[in-house]
Amino acid sequence: MPPLSFTLRHNAATFDWELAVAGDSAASHHATHSSAFDMLATHPQLFARGATVRVFGADGGYECERTYAAAGSVSDTDAAVSTVAL
């Protein structure tokens, strides 16, 4: 199965962060981007499929991408989470 794809956007009007499955209009709301990542860490399908999270700031600009590896796809010496920023 392909990895899950999420977007995390800062809402300038409400000052919260909105986490949604890419292409889905329903979003969960979080006070900080860290709490959104904490919620993702407990997502049951994330362990089986892995995920990519693209983070966008309040101005709509792309900030970074975080990748979660599926369980069993990395060895004990590899990192399970990586962050790529531009």
Protein backbone atom coordinates (compact mmCIF):
# COMPACT_ATOMS: atom_id res chain seq x y z
CA MET A 1 0.00 0.00 0.00
CA PRO A 2 1.22 3.54 -0.69
CA PRO A 3 1.99 5.80 2.28
CA LEU A 4 -0.71 8.09 3.61
CA SER A 5 -0.46 11.74 2.60
CA PHE A 6 -1.40 14.57 4.99
CA THR A 7 -1.31 18.36 4.88
CA LEU A 8 -0.76 20.52 7.95
CA ARG A 9 -1.73 24.17 7.50
CA HIS A 10 -1.63 27.11 9.87
CA ASN A 11 -4.97 28.93 9.97
CA ALA A 12 -4.23 32.65 10.37
CA ALA A 13 -7.85 33.45 11.30
CA THR A 14 -8.08 31.02 14.24
CA PHE A 15 -4.33 30.66 15.00
CA ASP A 16 -4.62 26.87 15.07
CA TRP A 17 -3.11 24.15 12.89
CA GLU A 18 -5.35 22.02 10.65
CA LEU A 19 -4.30 18.47 9.83
CA ALA A 20 -6.10 16.70 6.99
CA VAL A 21 -5.64 13.70 4.76
CA ALA A 22 -4.57 15.13 1.40
CA GLY A 23 -7.62 15.75 -0.75
CA ASP A 24 -10.05 15.55 2.19
CA SER A 25 -11.92 18.65 3.35
CA ALA A 26 -12.37 17.44 6.97
CA ALA A 27 -9.49 18.50 9.20
CA SER A 28 -8.57 18.04 12.83
CA HIS A 29 -7.62 21.22 14.70
CA HIS A 30 -4.55 21.53 16.94
CA ALA A 31 -3.16 24.34 19.11
CA THR A 32 0.40 23.64 17.94
CA HIS A 33 1.98 21.79 15.04
CA SER A 34 3.68 19.53 17.62
CA SER A 35 0.31 18.33 18.92
CA ALA A 36 -0.70 17.48 15.34
CA PHE A 37 2.46 15.37 14.92
CA ASP A 38 1.79 13.72 18.31
CA MET A 39 -1.69 12.75 17.11
CA LEU A 40 -0.23 11.36 13.90
CA ALA A 41 2.20 9.22 15.88
CA THR A 42 -0.79 7.30 17.28
CA HIS A 43 -2.60 6.93 13.92
CA PRO A 44 -3.22 3.17 13.51
CA GLN A 45 -2.73 3.05 9.72
CA LEU A 46 0.51 5.01 9.93
CA PHE A 47 2.31 1.99 11.41
CA ALA A 48 1.31 -0.22 8.50
CA ARG A 49 1.59 2.25 5.61
CA GLY A 50 3.85 5.12 6.65
CA ALA A 51 2.99 8.73 5.85
CA THR A 52 4.15 11.98 4.33
CA VAL A 53 3.11 15.27 5.94
CA ARG A 54 3.51 18.51 4.03
CA VAL A 55 3.53 21.61 6.25
CA PHE A 56 2.29 25.01 5.04
CA GLY A 57 2.52 28.31 6.94
CA ALA A 58 -0.16 30.97 7.49
CA ASP A 59 0.78 32.65 4.22
CA GLY A 60 0.15 29.41 2.33
CA GLY A 61 3.83 28.91 1.61
CA TYR A 62 5.43 25.48 1.77
CA GLU A 63 7.61 25.09 4.88
CA CYS A 64 8.74 21.48 5.08
CA GLU A 65 7.87 17.83 4.65
CA ARG A 66 8.01 15.12 7.30
CA THR A 67 8.10 11.43 6.39
CA TYR A 68 7.12 8.56 8.68
CA ALA A 69 8.36 5.10 7.68
CA ALA A 70 6.03 2.12 7.92
CA ALA A 71 6.75 -0.30 10.76
CA GLY A 72 9.07 -3.04 9.65
CA SER A 73 10.41 -1.06 6.70
CA VAL A 74 13.41 0.32 8.62
CA SER A 75 16.07 -1.43 10.64
CA ASP A 76 16.74 -0.68 14.29
CA THR A 77 19.63 1.60 13.33
CA ASP A 78 17.61 3.72 10.87
CA ALA A 79 15.51 6.73 11.82
CA ALA A 80 11.77 6.23 11.52
CA VAL A 81 11.01 9.93 11.00
CA SER A 82 12.79 12.33 8.67
CA THR A 83 12.23 16.02 8.01
CA VAL A 84 13.00 17.84 4.78
CA ALA A 85 12.90 21.64 4.71
CA LEU A 86 13.43 23.98 1.80
